[in-house]
C-alpha atoms as a PDB file:
ATOM      1  CA  UNK A   1      31.490 183.440 -28.928  1.00  0.00           C
ATOM      2  CA  UNK A   2      34.496 185.030 -27.463  1.00  0.00           C
ATOM      3  CA  UNK A   3      32.289 186.675 -24.933  1.00  0.00           C
ATOM      4  CA  UNK A   4      30.427 183.258 -24.068  1.00  0.00           C
ATOM      5  CA  UNK A   5      33.811 181.597 -23.495  1.00  0.00           C
ATOM      6  CA  UNK A   6      34.738 184.219 -21.113  1.00  0.00           C
ATOM      7  CA  UNK A   7      31.356 183.892 -19.407  1.00  0.00           C
ATOM      8  CA  UNK A   8      31.531 180.296 -19.077  1.00  0.00           C
ATOM      9  CA  UNK A   9      35.098 180.885 -17.833  1.00  0.00           C
ATOM     10  CA  UNK A  10      34.314 183.192 -15.450  1.00  0.00           C
ATOM     11  CA  UNK A  11      31.930 182.652 -12.831  1.00  0.00           C
ATOM     12  CA  UNK A  12      31.518 186.284 -11.280  1.00  0.00           C
ATOM     13  CA  UNK A  13      31.047 187.219 -14.890  1.00  0.00           C
ATOM     14  CA  UNK A  14      28.441 184.830 -15.551  1.00  0.00           C
ATOM     15  CA  UNK A  15      26.561 186.141 -12.569  1.00  0.00           C
ATOM     16  CA  UNK A  16      26.653 189.628 -13.456  1.00  0.00           C
ATOM     17  CA  UNK A  17      25.450 188.556 -17.070  1.00  0.00           C
ATOM     18  CA  UNK A  18      22.592 186.870 -15.578  1.00  0.00           C
ATOM     19  CA  UNK A  19      21.683 189.825 -13.105  1.00  0.00           C
ATOM     20  CA  UNK A  20      22.007 192.515 -16.125  1.00  0.00           C
ATOM     21  CA  UNK A  21      19.609 190.294 -18.041  1.00  0.00           C
ATOM     22  CA  UNK A  22      17.309 190.170 -15.024  1.00  0.00           C
ATOM     23  CA  UNK A  23      17.508 194.090 -14.432  1.00  0.00           C
ATOM     24  CA  UNK A  24      16.447 194.155 -18.197  1.00  0.00           C
ATOM     25  CA  UNK A  25      13.409 191.894 -17.450  1.00  0.00           C
ATOM     26  CA  UNK A  26      12.537 194.087 -14.538  1.00  0.00           C
ATOM     27  CA  UNK A  27      12.864 197.227 -16.506  1.00  0.00           C
ATOM     28  CA  UNK A  28      10.589 195.771 -19.070  1.00  0.00           C
ATOM     29  CA  UNK A  29       7.850 195.170 -16.512  1.00  0.00           C
ATOM     30  CA  UNK A  30       8.147 198.095 -14.398  1.00  0.00           C
ATOM     31  CA  UNK A  31       9.227 200.745 -16.349  1.00  0.00           C
ATOM     32  CA  UNK A  32       7.532 200.104 -19.909  1.00  0.00           C
ATOM     33  CA  UNK A  33       3.818 199.878 -18.594  1.00  0.00           C
ATOM     34  CA  UNK A  34       4.353 203.989 -18.174  1.00  0.00           C
ATOM     35  CA  UNK A  35       4.658 204.254 -22.016  1.00  0.00           C
ATOM     36  CA  UNK A  36       0.908 202.608 -22.271  1.00  0.00           C
ATOM     37  CA  UNK A  37      -0.282 203.576 -18.948  1.00  0.00           C
ATOM     38  CA  UNK A  38      -2.267 206.843 -20.459  1.00  0.00           C
ATOM     39  CA  UNK A  39      -3.812 204.983 -23.756  1.00  0.00           C
ATOM     40  CA  UNK A  40      -5.016 202.422 -21.695  1.00  0.00           C
ATOM     41  CA  UNK A  41      -6.423 205.039 -19.097  1.00  0.00           C
ATOM     42  CA  UNK A  42      -8.337 206.244 -21.759  1.00  0.00           C
ATOM     43  CA  UNK A  43      -9.399 203.220 -23.322  1.00  0.00           C
ATOM     44  CA  UNK A  44      -7.954 204.188 -26.775  1.00  0.00           C
ATOM     45  CA  UNK A  45      -6.717 200.448 -26.662  1.00  0.00           C
ATOM     46  CA  UNK A  46      -7.195 197.230 -24.438  1.00  0.00           C
ATOM     47  CA  UNK A  47      -4.482 196.665 -22.283  1.00  0.00           C
ATOM     48  CA  UNK A  48      -3.383 193.086 -23.725  1.00  0.00           C
ATOM     49  CA  UNK A  49      -2.968 194.953 -27.203  1.00  0.00           C
ATOM     50  CA  UNK A  50      -1.185 197.940 -25.487  1.00  0.00           C
ATOM     51  CA  UNK A  51       1.328 195.420 -23.845  1.00  0.00           C
ATOM     52  CA  UNK A  52       2.012 193.557 -27.320  1.00  0.00           C
ATOM     53  CA  UNK A  53       2.519 197.080 -29.079  1.00  0.00           C
ATOM     54  CA  UNK A  54       4.852 198.274 -26.336  1.00  0.00           C
ATOM     55  CA  UNK A  55       7.108 195.228 -26.368  1.00  0.00           C
ATOM     56  CA  UNK A  56       7.385 195.493 -30.335  1.00  0.00           C
ATOM     57  CA  UNK A  57       8.244 199.219 -30.120  1.00  0.00           C
ATOM     58  CA  UNK A  58      10.539 198.620 -27.338  1.00  0.00           C
ATOM     59  CA  UNK A  59      12.668 196.262 -29.008  1.00  0.00           C
ATOM     60  CA  UNK A  60      12.787 198.353 -32.068  1.00  0.00           C
ATOM     61  CA  UNK A  61      13.940 201.598 -29.943  1.00  0.00           C
ATOM     62  CA  UNK A  62      17.028 199.673 -28.586  1.00  0.00           C
ATOM     63  CA  UNK A  63      17.874 198.100 -31.985  1.00  0.00           C
ATOM     64  CA  UNK A  64      17.056 201.182 -34.124  1.00  0.00           C
ATOM     65  CA  UNK A  65      18.218 204.092 -31.875  1.00  0.00           C
ATOM     66  CA  UNK A  66      21.677 202.362 -31.112  1.00  0.00           C
ATOM     67  CA  UNK A  67      22.363 202.051 -35.028  1.00  0.00           C
ATOM     68  CA  UNK A  68      21.654 205.983 -35.043  1.00  0.00           C
ATOM     69  CA  UNK A  69      23.807 206.867 -31.774  1.00  0.00           C
ATOM     70  CA  UNK A  70      25.017 205.243 -28.819  1.00  0.00           C
ATOM     71  CA  UNK A  71      25.662 208.044 -26.729  1.00  0.00           C
ATOM     72  CA  UNK A  72      23.597 206.784 -23.513  1.00  0.00           C
ATOM     73  CA  UNK A  73      25.313 203.750 -23.594  1.00  0.00           C
ATOM     74  CA  UNK A  74      28.590 205.360 -23.738  1.00  0.00           C
ATOM     75  CA  UNK A  75      27.620 207.797 -20.963  1.00  0.00           C
ATOM     76  CA  UNK A  76      26.459 204.637 -18.309  1.00  0.00           C
ATOM     77  CA  UNK A  77      29.731 202.798 -19.186  1.00  0.00           C
ATOM     78  CA  UNK A  78      32.011 205.451 -18.506  1.00  0.00           C
ATOM     79  CA  UNK A  79      30.143 206.719 -15.853  1.00  0.00           C
ATOM     80  CA  UNK A  80      32.137 204.519 -13.196  1.00  0.00           C
ATOM     81  CA  UNK A  81      35.555 202.581 -13.135  1.00  0.00           C
ATOM     82  CA  UNK A  82      35.583 199.407 -11.401  1.00  0.00           C
ATOM     83  CA  UNK A  83      39.577 199.129 -11.856  1.00  0.00           C
ATOM     84  CA  UNK A  84      40.873 195.900 -13.852  1.00  0.00           C
ATOM     85  CA  UNK A  85      40.884 193.138 -11.163  1.00  0.00           C
ATOM     86  CA  UNK A  86      38.838 190.577 -13.243  1.00  0.00           C
ATOM     87  CA  UNK A  87      37.447 188.571 -10.203  1.00  0.00           C
ATOM     88  CA  UNK A  88      36.925 191.731  -7.932  1.00  0.00           C
ATOM     89  CA  UNK A  89      35.696 193.917 -10.043  1.00  0.00           C
ATOM     90  CA  UNK A  90      32.789 191.577 -11.799  1.00  0.00           C
ATOM     91  CA  UNK A  91      31.836 190.937  -8.045  1.00  0.00           C
ATOM     92  CA  UNK A  92      31.345 194.569  -7.564  1.00  0.00           C
ATOM     93  CA  UNK A  93      29.185 194.992 -10.724  1.00  0.00           C
ATOM     94  CA  UNK A  94      27.093 192.053  -9.639  1.00  0.00           C
ATOM     95  CA  UNK A  95      26.653 193.877  -6.313  1.00  0.00           C
ATOM     96  CA  UNK A  96      25.270 196.880  -8.174  1.00  0.00           C
ATOM     97  CA  UNK A  97      23.205 194.897 -10.381  1.00  0.00           C
ATOM     98  CA  UNK A  98      21.693 192.627  -7.390  1.00  0.00           C
ATOM     99  CA  UNK A  99      20.722 196.084  -5.608  1.00  0.00           C
ATOM    100  CA  UNK A 100      18.824 197.529  -8.646  1.00  0.00           C
ATOM    101  CA  UNK A 101      16.911 194.072  -8.732  1.00  0.00           C
ATOM    102  CA  UNK A 102      16.103 194.442  -5.167  1.00  0.00           C
ATOM    103  CA  UNK A 103      14.934 197.882  -5.300  1.00  0.00           C
ATOM    104  CA  UNK A 104      12.981 197.634  -8.587  1.00  0.00           C
ATOM    105  CA  UNK A 105      11.199 194.569  -7.406  1.00  0.00           C
ATOM    106  CA  UNK A 106      10.187 196.371  -4.134  1.00  0.00           C
ATOM    107  CA  UNK A 107       8.948 199.223  -5.771  1.00  0.00           C
ATOM    108  CA  UNK A 108       6.856 196.996  -8.371  1.00  0.00           C
ATOM    109  CA  UNK A 109       5.484 194.996  -5.459  1.00  0.00           C
ATOM    110  CA  UNK A 110       3.953 198.275  -3.739  1.00  0.00           C
ATOM    111  CA  UNK A 111       2.947 199.960  -7.045  1.00  0.00           C
ATOM    112  CA  UNK A 112       5.269 202.753  -6.965  1.00  0.00           C
ATOM    113  CA  UNK A 113       6.566 203.808 -10.298  1.00  0.00           C
ATOM    114  CA  UNK A 114      10.073 204.657  -9.062  1.00  0.00           C
ATOM    115  CA  UNK A 115      12.677 205.169 -11.832  1.00  0.00           C
ATOM    116  CA  UNK A 116      14.952 202.118 -13.093  1.00  0.00           C
ATOM    117  CA  UNK A 117      17.223 204.747 -14.676  1.00  0.00           C
ATOM    118  CA  UNK A 118      17.785 206.441 -11.210  1.00  0.00           C
ATOM    119  CA  UNK A 119      18.124 203.242  -9.732  1.00  0.00           C
ATOM    120  CA  UNK A 120      20.561 201.902 -12.155  1.00  0.00           C
ATOM    121  CA  UNK A 121      22.915 205.084 -11.906  1.00  0.00           C
ATOM    122  CA  UNK A 122      22.614 205.038  -7.981  1.00  0.00           C
ATOM    123  CA  UNK A 123      23.515 201.139  -7.832  1.00  0.00           C
ATOM    124  CA  UNK A 124      26.575 201.521  -9.831  1.00  0.00           C
ATOM    125  CA  UNK A 125      27.819 204.202  -7.993  1.00  0.00           C
ATOM    126  CA  UNK A 126      27.184 203.138  -4.588  1.00  0.00           C
ATOM    127  CA  UNK A 127      28.999 199.689  -5.854  1.00  0.00           C
ATOM    128  CA  UNK A 128      32.035 201.842  -7.583  1.00  0.00           C
ATOM    129  CA  UNK A 129      32.393 203.677  -4.125  1.00  0.00           C
ATOM    130  CA  UNK A 130      32.418 200.463  -2.045  1.00  0.00           C
ATOM    131  CA  UNK A 131      34.916 198.759  -4.594  1.00  0.00           C
ATOM    132  CA  UNK A 132      37.411 201.551  -4.413  1.00  0.00           C
ATOM    133  CA  UNK A 133      36.449 202.929  -0.705  1.00  0.00           C
ATOM    134  CA  UNK A 134      36.403 206.330  -2.163  1.00  0.00           C
ATOM    135  CA  UNK A 135      34.494 208.347  -5.058  1.00  0.00           C
ATOM    136  CA  UNK A 136      37.905 207.889  -7.413  1.00  0.00           C
ATOM    137  CA  UNK A 137      35.614 205.047  -9.023  1.00  0.00           C
ATOM    138  CA  UNK A 138      33.020 207.830 -10.024  1.00  0.00           C
ATOM    139  CA  UNK A 139      33.627 209.881 -13.146  1.00  0.00           C
ATOM    140  CA  UNK A 140      32.191 213.348 -12.145  1.00  0.00           C
ATOM    141  CA  UNK A 141      31.865 214.492 -15.795  1.00  0.00           C
ATOM    142  CA  UNK A 142      29.723 211.712 -16.905  1.00  0.00           C
ATOM    143  CA  UNK A 143      27.835 211.967 -13.498  1.00  0.00           C
ATOM    144  CA  UNK A 144      26.904 215.790 -14.534  1.00  0.00           C
ATOM    145  CA  UNK A 145      24.877 214.373 -17.591  1.00  0.00           C
ATOM    146  CA  UNK A 146      22.564 212.740 -14.902  1.00  0.00           C
ATOM    147  CA  UNK A 147      21.791 216.002 -13.422  1.00  0.00           C
ATOM    148  CA  UNK A 148      21.117 217.539 -16.427  1.00  0.00           C
ATOM    149  CA  UNK A 149      19.084 214.649 -17.818  1.00  0.00           C
ATOM    150  CA  UNK A 150      17.162 215.194 -14.461  1.00  0.00           C
ATOM    151  CA  UNK A 151      16.475 219.017 -14.936  1.00  0.00           C
ATOM    152  CA  UNK A 152      15.655 218.255 -18.821  1.00  0.00           C
ATOM    153  CA  UNK A 153      13.064 215.438 -17.746  1.00  0.00           C
ATOM    154  CA  UNK A 154      11.464 217.539 -15.034  1.00  0.00           C
ATOM    155  CA  UNK A 155      10.905 221.114 -16.932  1.00  0.00           C
ATOM    156  CA  UNK A 156      10.925 219.752 -20.425  1.00  0.00           C
ATOM    157  CA  UNK A 157       8.224 216.856 -19.931  1.00  0.00           C
ATOM    158  CA  UNK A 158       6.161 219.372 -17.621  1.00  0.00           C
ATOM    159  CA  UNK A 159       6.370 222.348 -19.835  1.00  0.00           C
ATOM    160  CA  UNK A 160       6.081 220.653 -23.224  1.00  0.00           C
ATOM    161  CA  UNK A 161       2.808 218.768 -21.726  1.00  0.00           C
ATOM    162  CA  UNK A 162       1.376 221.783 -20.705  1.00  0.00           C
ATOM    163  CA  UNK A 163       2.219 223.667 -23.933  1.00  0.00           C
ATOM    164  CA  UNK A 164       0.828 220.798 -26.104  1.00  0.00           C
ATOM    165  CA  UNK A 165      -2.263 220.584 -24.507  1.00  0.00           C
ATOM    166  CA  UNK A 166      -3.097 224.129 -24.335  1.00  0.00           C
ATOM    167  CA  UNK A 167      -2.369 224.230 -28.244  1.00  0.00           C
ATOM    168  CA  UNK A 168      -4.622 221.193 -28.956  1.00  0.00           C
ATOM    169  CA  UNK A 169      -7.529 223.054 -26.880  1.00  0.00           C
ATOM    170  CA  UNK A 170      -7.288 225.919 -29.076  1.00  0.00           C
ATOM    171  CA  UNK A 171      -7.246 224.327 -32.369  1.00  0.00           C
ATOM    172  CA  UNK A 172      -9.933 222.070 -31.313  1.00  0.00           C
ATOM    173  CA  UNK A 173     -11.998 224.391 -29.384  1.00  0.00           C
ATOM    174  CA  UNK A 174     -15.207 224.579 -31.612  1.00  0.00           C
ATOM    175  CA  UNK A 175     -14.918 221.099 -33.295  1.00  0.00           C
ATOM    176  CA  UNK A 176     -17.588 218.389 -32.400  1.00  0.00           C
ATOM    177  CA  UNK A 177     -16.346 216.600 -29.074  1.00  0.00           C
ATOM    178  CA  UNK A 178     -17.249 213.146 -30.451  1.00  0.00           C
ATOM    179  CA  UNK A 179     -15.451 213.713 -33.584  1.00  0.00           C
ATOM    180  CA  UNK A 180     -12.250 214.791 -31.991  1.00  0.00           C
ATOM    181  CA  UNK A 181     -12.334 212.019 -29.333  1.00  0.00           C
ATOM    182  CA  UNK A 182     -12.216 209.276 -32.061  1.00  0.00           C
ATOM    183  CA  UNK A 183      -9.287 211.414 -33.881  1.00  0.00           C
ATOM    184  CA  UNK A 184      -7.415 211.412 -30.766  1.00  0.00           C
ATOM    185  CA  UNK A 185      -8.031 207.719 -29.471  1.00  0.00           C
ATOM    186  CA  UNK A 186      -6.302 206.813 -32.781  1.00  0.00           C
ATOM    187  CA  UNK A 187      -3.491 209.429 -32.318  1.00  0.00           C
ATOM    188  CA  UNK A 188      -3.033 208.213 -28.643  1.00  0.00           C
ATOM    189  CA  UNK A 189      -2.115 204.829 -30.160  1.00  0.00           C
ATOM    190  CA  UNK A 190       0.522 206.429 -32.147  1.00  0.00           C
ATOM    191  CA  UNK A 191       1.676 208.391 -29.379  1.00  0.00           C
ATOM    192  CA  UNK A 192       1.846 205.223 -27.085  1.00  0.00           C
ATOM    193  CA  UNK A 193       4.156 203.648 -29.646  1.00  0.00           C
ATOM    194  CA  UNK A 194       6.404 206.477 -30.038  1.00  0.00           C
ATOM    195  CA  UNK A 195       6.714 206.346 -26.074  1.00  0.00           C
ATOM    196  CA  UNK A 196       7.552 202.663 -25.968  1.00  0.00           C
ATOM    197  CA  UNK A 197       9.833 203.365 -28.831  1.00  0.00           C
ATOM    198  CA  UNK A 198      11.968 206.098 -27.077  1.00  0.00           C
ATOM    199  CA  UNK A 199      11.628 203.926 -23.577  1.00  0.00           C
ATOM    200  CA  UNK A 200      13.645 201.154 -25.470  1.00  0.00           C
ATOM    201  CA  UNK A 201      16.152 203.733 -27.072  1.00  0.00           C
ATOM    202  CA  UNK A 202      16.822 205.333 -23.392  1.00  0.00           C
ATOM    203  CA  UNK A 203      16.544 202.270 -21.048  1.00  0.00           C
ATOM    204  CA  UNK A 204      17.685 199.896 -23.645  1.00  0.00           C
ATOM    205  CA  UNK A 205      21.091 201.763 -24.162  1.00  0.00           C
ATOM    206  CA  UNK A 206      21.892 201.994 -20.361  1.00  0.00           C
ATOM    207  CA  UNK A 207      21.779 198.398 -20.137  1.00  0.00           C
ATOM    208  CA  UNK A 208      24.095 198.020 -23.237  1.00  0.00           C
ATOM    209  CA  UNK A 209      26.437 200.387 -20.996  1.00  0.00           C
ATOM    210  CA  UNK A 210      26.205 197.492 -18.438  1.00  0.00           C
ATOM    211  CA  UNK A 211      26.881 194.975 -21.033  1.00  0.00           C
ATOM    212  CA  UNK A 212      29.978 196.978 -22.022  1.00  0.00           C
ATOM    213  CA  UNK A 213      31.261 197.229 -18.637  1.00  0.00           C
ATOM    214  CA  UNK A 214      31.043 193.555 -18.101  1.00  0.00           C
ATOM    215  CA  UNK A 215      32.567 192.730 -21.298  1.00  0.00           C
ATOM    216  CA  UNK A 216      35.705 195.190 -20.402  1.00  0.00           C
ATOM    217  CA  UNK A 217      36.056 193.518 -17.055  1.00  0.00           C
ATOM    218  CA  UNK A 218      36.161 190.175 -18.367  1.00  0.00           C
ATOM    219  CA  UNK A 219      39.306 191.223 -20.485  1.00  0.00           C
ATOM    220  CA  UNK A 220      40.555 193.107 -17.497  1.00  0.00           C
ATOM    221  CA  UNK A 221      40.259 196.112 -18.855  1.00  0.00           C
ATOM    222  CA  UNK A 222      38.838 199.894 -17.792  1.00  0.00           C
ATOM    223  CA  UNK A 223      35.728 200.949 -19.994  1.00  0.00           C
ATOM    224  CA  UNK A 224      37.336 204.259 -21.704  1.00  0.00           C
ATOM    225  CA  UNK A 225      36.000 206.392 -24.934  1.00  0.00           C
ATOM    226  CA  UNK A 226      33.968 205.073 -27.657  1.00  0.00           C
ATOM    227  CA  UNK A 227      33.480 201.500 -28.067  1.00  0.00           C
ATOM    228  CA  UNK A 228      31.885 199.578 -30.966  1.00  0.00           C
ATOM    229  CA  UNK A 229      28.455 197.880 -29.938  1.00  0.00           C
ATOM    230  CA  UNK A 230      27.858 194.425 -31.522  1.00  0.00           C
ATOM    231  CA  UNK A 231      24.537 193.519 -33.350  1.00  0.00           C
ATOM    232  CA  UNK A 232      24.338 190.647 -30.952  1.00  0.00           C
ATOM    233  CA  UNK A 233      24.358 192.876 -27.957  1.00  0.00           C
ATOM    234  CA  UNK A 234      21.548 195.083 -29.520  1.00  0.00           C
ATOM    235  CA  UNK A 235      19.504 192.076 -30.150  1.00  0.00           C
ATOM    236  CA  UNK A 236      19.980 190.493 -26.852  1.00  0.00           C
ATOM    237  CA  UNK A 237      19.012 193.284 -24.909  1.00  0.00           C
ATOM    238  CA  UNK A 238      15.956 194.187 -27.107  1.00  0.00           C
ATOM    239  CA  UNK A 239      14.285 190.776 -26.979  1.00  0.00           C
ATOM    240  CA  UNK A 240      14.831 190.581 -23.192  1.00  0.00           C
ATOM    241  CA  UNK A 241      13.210 193.872 -22.534  1.00  0.00           C
ATOM    242  CA  UNK A 242      10.574 193.002 -25.131  1.00  0.00           C
ATOM    243  CA  UNK A 243       9.971 190.121 -23.056  1.00  0.00           C
ATOM    244  CA  UNK A 244      10.167 191.756 -19.713  1.00  0.00           C
ATOM    245  CA  UNK A 245       7.341 194.354 -21.335  1.00  0.00           C
ATOM    246  CA  UNK A 246       4.927 191.283 -22.318  1.00  0.00           C
ATOM    247  CA  UNK A 247       4.932 190.597 -18.541  1.00  0.00           C
ATOM    248  CA  UNK A 248       2.738 194.069 -18.069  1.00  0.00           C
ATOM    249  CA  UNK A 249       2.508 195.988 -14.821  1.00  0.00           C
ATOM    250  CA  UNK A 250      -1.228 197.167 -14.111  1.00  0.00           C
ATOM    251  CA  UNK A 251      -0.547 198.516 -10.595  1.00  0.00           C
ATOM    252  CA  UNK A 252       1.956 200.873 -12.232  1.00  0.00           C
ATOM    253  CA  UNK A 253      -0.527 201.574 -15.309  1.00  0.00           C
ATOM    254  CA  UNK A 254      -3.186 202.442 -12.766  1.00  0.00           C
ATOM    255  CA  UNK A 255      -0.904 204.737 -10.669  1.00  0.00           C
ATOM    256  CA  UNK A 256       0.521 206.767 -13.525  1.00  0.00           C
ATOM    257  CA  UNK A 257      -2.517 206.567 -15.963  1.00  0.00           C
ATOM    258  CA  UNK A 258      -5.563 206.722 -13.663  1.00  0.00           C
ATOM    259  CA  UNK A 259      -4.845 207.913 -10.100  1.00  0.00           C
ATOM    260  CA  UNK A 260      -2.797 210.948 -10.836  1.00  0.00           C
ATOM    261  CA  UNK A 261      -4.729 212.560 -13.457  1.00  0.00           C
ATOM    262  CA  UNK A 262      -8.172 211.669 -14.708  1.00  0.00           C
ATOM    263  CA  UNK A 263      -7.192 212.217 -18.353  1.00  0.00           C
ATOM    264  CA  UNK A 264      -9.335 212.988 -21.784  1.00  0.00           C
ATOM    265  CA  UNK A 265      -7.915 211.298 -25.034  1.00  0.00           C
ATOM    266  CA  UNK A 266      -6.348 214.564 -26.239  1.00  0.00           C
ATOM    267  CA  UNK A 267      -4.254 214.717 -22.816  1.00  0.00           C
ATOM    268  CA  UNK A 268      -3.354 211.264 -23.175  1.00  0.00           C
ATOM    269  CA  UNK A 269      -1.655 212.148 -26.648  1.00  0.00           C
ATOM    270  CA  UNK A 270      -0.237 215.415 -25.249  1.00  0.00           C
ATOM    271  CA  UNK A 271       1.291 213.626 -22.571  1.00  0.00           C
ATOM    272  CA  UNK A 272       2.537 211.003 -24.958  1.00  0.00           C
ATOM    273  CA  UNK A 273       3.799 213.342 -27.679  1.00  0.00           C
ATOM    274  CA  UNK A 274       5.763 215.557 -25.076  1.00  0.00           C
ATOM    275  CA  UNK A 275       7.290 212.844 -23.032  1.00  0.00           C
ATOM    276  CA  UNK A 276       8.632 211.033 -26.338  1.00  0.00           C
ATOM    277  CA  UNK A 277      10.170 214.356 -27.792  1.00  0.00           C
ATOM    278  CA  UNK A 278      11.673 215.103 -24.465  1.00  0.00           C
ATOM    279  CA  UNK A 279      13.350 211.690 -24.434  1.00  0.00           C
ATOM    280  CA  UNK A 280      14.172 211.838 -28.297  1.00  0.00           C
ATOM    281  CA  UNK A 281      16.255 215.364 -27.445  1.00  0.00           C
ATOM    282  CA  UNK A 282      18.114 213.833 -24.374  1.00  0.00           C
ATOM    283  CA  UNK A 283      19.326 211.035 -26.206  1.00  0.00           C
ATOM    284  CA  UNK A 284      20.303 212.939 -29.188  1.00  0.00           C
ATOM    285  CA  UNK A 285      21.907 215.559 -27.275  1.00  0.00           C
ATOM    286  CA  UNK A 286      25.025 214.441 -25.317  1.00  0.00           C
ATOM    287  CA  UNK A 287      23.758 210.923 -24.468  1.00  0.00           C
ATOM    288  CA  UNK A 288      21.813 212.419 -21.394  1.00  0.00           C
ATOM    289  CA  UNK A 289      20.530 209.341 -19.464  1.00  0.00           C
ATOM    290  CA  UNK A 290      16.933 210.366 -18.584  1.00  0.00           C
ATOM    291  CA  UNK A 291      14.501 208.866 -16.653  1.00  0.00           C
ATOM    292  CA  UNK A 292      11.480 207.445 -18.950  1.00  0.00           C
ATOM    293  CA  UNK A 293       9.388 207.349 -15.995  1.00  0.00           C
ATOM    294  CA  UNK A 294      10.060 210.816 -14.633  1.00  0.00           C
ATOM    295  CA  UNK A 295       9.632 212.249 -17.979  1.00  0.00           C
ATOM    296  CA  UNK A 296       6.243 210.660 -18.391  1.00  0.00           C
ATOM    297  CA  UNK A 297       4.956 211.172 -14.963  1.00  0.00           C
ATOM    298  CA  UNK A 298       6.187 215.169 -15.420  1.00  0.00           C
ATOM    299  CA  UNK A 299       4.106 215.166 -18.797  1.00  0.00           C
ATOM    300  CA  UNK A 300       1.175 214.008 -17.422  1.00  0.00           C
ATOM    301  CA  UNK A 301       1.222 216.587 -14.682  1.00  0.00           C
ATOM    302  CA  UNK A 302       1.890 219.079 -17.206  1.00  0.00           C
ATOM    303  CA  UNK A 303      -0.967 218.061 -19.174  1.00  0.00           C
ATOM    304  CA  UNK A 304      -3.279 217.892 -16.156  1.00  0.00           C
ATOM    305  CA  UNK A 305      -2.158 221.579 -15.092  1.00  0.00           C
ATOM    306  CA  UNK A 306      -2.848 222.958 -18.314  1.00  0.00           C
ATOM    307  CA  UNK A 307      -6.547 222.201 -17.822  1.00  0.00           C
ATOM    308  CA  UNK A 308      -6.679 223.150 -14.309  1.00  0.00           C
ATOM    309  CA  UNK A 309      -4.112 223.051 -11.436  1.00  0.00           C
ATOM    310  CA  UNK A 310      -6.461 220.851  -9.319  1.00  0.00           C
ATOM    311  CA  UNK A 311      -7.238 218.375 -11.685  1.00  0.00           C
ATOM    312  CA  UNK A 312      -3.726 216.962 -10.767  1.00  0.00           C
ATOM    313  CA  UNK A 313      -3.846 214.599  -7.495  1.00  0.00           C
ATOM    314  CA  UNK A 314      -1.078 216.086  -5.794  1.00  0.00           C
ATOM    315  CA  UNK A 315      -1.130 213.224  -3.365  1.00  0.00           C
ATOM    316  CA  UNK A 316      -0.010 210.815  -5.620  1.00  0.00           C
ATOM    317  CA  UNK A 317       2.476 213.163  -7.264  1.00  0.00           C
ATOM    318  CA  UNK A 318       3.994 213.641  -3.606  1.00  0.00           C
ATOM    319  CA  UNK A 319       4.371 209.918  -3.188  1.00  0.00           C
ATOM    320  CA  UNK A 320       6.215 209.814  -6.568  1.00  0.00           C
ATOM    321  CA  UNK A 321       8.369 212.335  -5.812  1.00  0.00           C
ATOM    322  CA  UNK A 322       9.151 210.944  -2.450  1.00  0.00           C
ATOM    323  CA  UNK A 323      10.151 207.287  -4.488  1.00  0.00           C
ATOM    324  CA  UNK A 324      12.162 209.555  -6.582  1.00  0.00           C
ATOM    325  CA  UNK A 325      13.740 211.422  -3.913  1.00  0.00           C
ATOM    326  CA  UNK A 326      14.706 208.481  -1.989  1.00  0.00           C
ATOM    327  CA  UNK A 327      16.005 206.304  -4.911  1.00  0.00           C
ATOM    328  CA  UNK A 328      19.488 207.884  -5.555  1.00  0.00           C
ATOM    329  CA  UNK A 329      20.517 207.580  -1.647  1.00  0.00           C
ATOM    330  CA  UNK A 330      18.528 204.265  -1.065  1.00  0.00           C
ATOM    331  CA  UNK A 331      19.686 202.357  -3.972  1.00  0.00           C
ATOM    332  CA  UNK A 332      23.053 203.783  -4.028  1.00  0.00           C
ATOM    333  CA  UNK A 333      23.450 202.774  -0.289  1.00  0.00           C
ATOM    334  CA  UNK A 334      21.905 199.345  -1.054  1.00  0.00           C
ATOM    335  CA  UNK A 335      24.458 199.083  -3.919  1.00  0.00           C
ATOM    336  CA  UNK A 336      27.436 200.016  -1.554  1.00  0.00           C
ATOM    337  CA  UNK A 337      26.396 197.628   1.332  1.00  0.00           C
ATOM    338  CA  UNK A 338      25.663 194.658  -0.998  1.00  0.00           C
ATOM    339  CA  UNK A 339      28.930 195.298  -2.950  1.00  0.00           C
ATOM    340  CA  UNK A 340      31.085 195.405   0.559  1.00  0.00           C
ATOM    341  CA  UNK A 341      29.028 192.198   1.693  1.00  0.00           C
ATOM    342  CA  UNK A 342      30.014 190.252  -1.958  1.00  0.00           C
ATOM    343  CA  UNK A 343      33.652 191.334  -1.525  1.00  0.00           C
ATOM    344  CA  UNK A 344      34.069 190.229   1.910  1.00  0.00           C
ATOM    345  CA  UNK A 345      32.614 186.970   1.081  1.00  0.00           C
ATOM    346  CA  UNK A 346      34.340 186.228  -1.932  1.00  0.00           C
ATOM    347  CA  UNK A 347      37.499 188.411  -2.195  1.00  0.00           C
END
């Protein structure tokens, strides 16, 4: 109730809360489809059922993992400093979130599986630089975790995907093909559920971190150290992300699960399992904010390369890599410009 009163009495905070919910919704329908892309592409589960499953496990991922560890949320909330001027800092936060919505919506429209995590980090960083007119508003100790997360998601996803696919090929080499297909079709559903759970665990906590920034700004405080995360906030982020997931995202499912690599059932399971394990390790280890899109995509590349390097459609991979490379400077610059414009108009 205290937070609701703060929101109703602070128009800038109200706008930032609405934008945060909008970003979570966009994340649900643009990022979450990556979790179920492989099981749909191999026809292990129909698209509508997969989307419902993803919505449920995204909800559980946000809620359950936040009860276990809140490291990722703390990393995001401590990454930038918008100062203690309630009006100006709330406007800066709104500028960051608006830039993320614009960037993510454009990526969804063109079917590009760009990373919402990278967009969130870049947008917040650009807005913090615009607010302070320098890099003083950026915490380098927390930003370094982004670099570690990028390295882990790239090499961890690829290497683990390659290794698990190779291991399964050796273990089931002499087994009946039809029987193994049935086995891995069922296993894929479990893998996709685990991937959806970890998507919620990673991305849900990132947006909880944004809410924590908004709550602190409403009180005229800077976020610092450990903060207790209220149950209502976990539930809010869980429900909104599940709602966004239920919207679906067939274009991104097609780009990730069908165009990049033609997957067999055991390969789809290998990709899901390796991506989920990589995300779990990142979440538990120092709260590294890892891109779920990046991790899943590199896992699929590793699985494809395990069979034959030419099985990977490197043209699609190049487009995705270009999108990732552009996200940090592109969304960061967008966050900077939108924030400068809003500060000029309203402060």
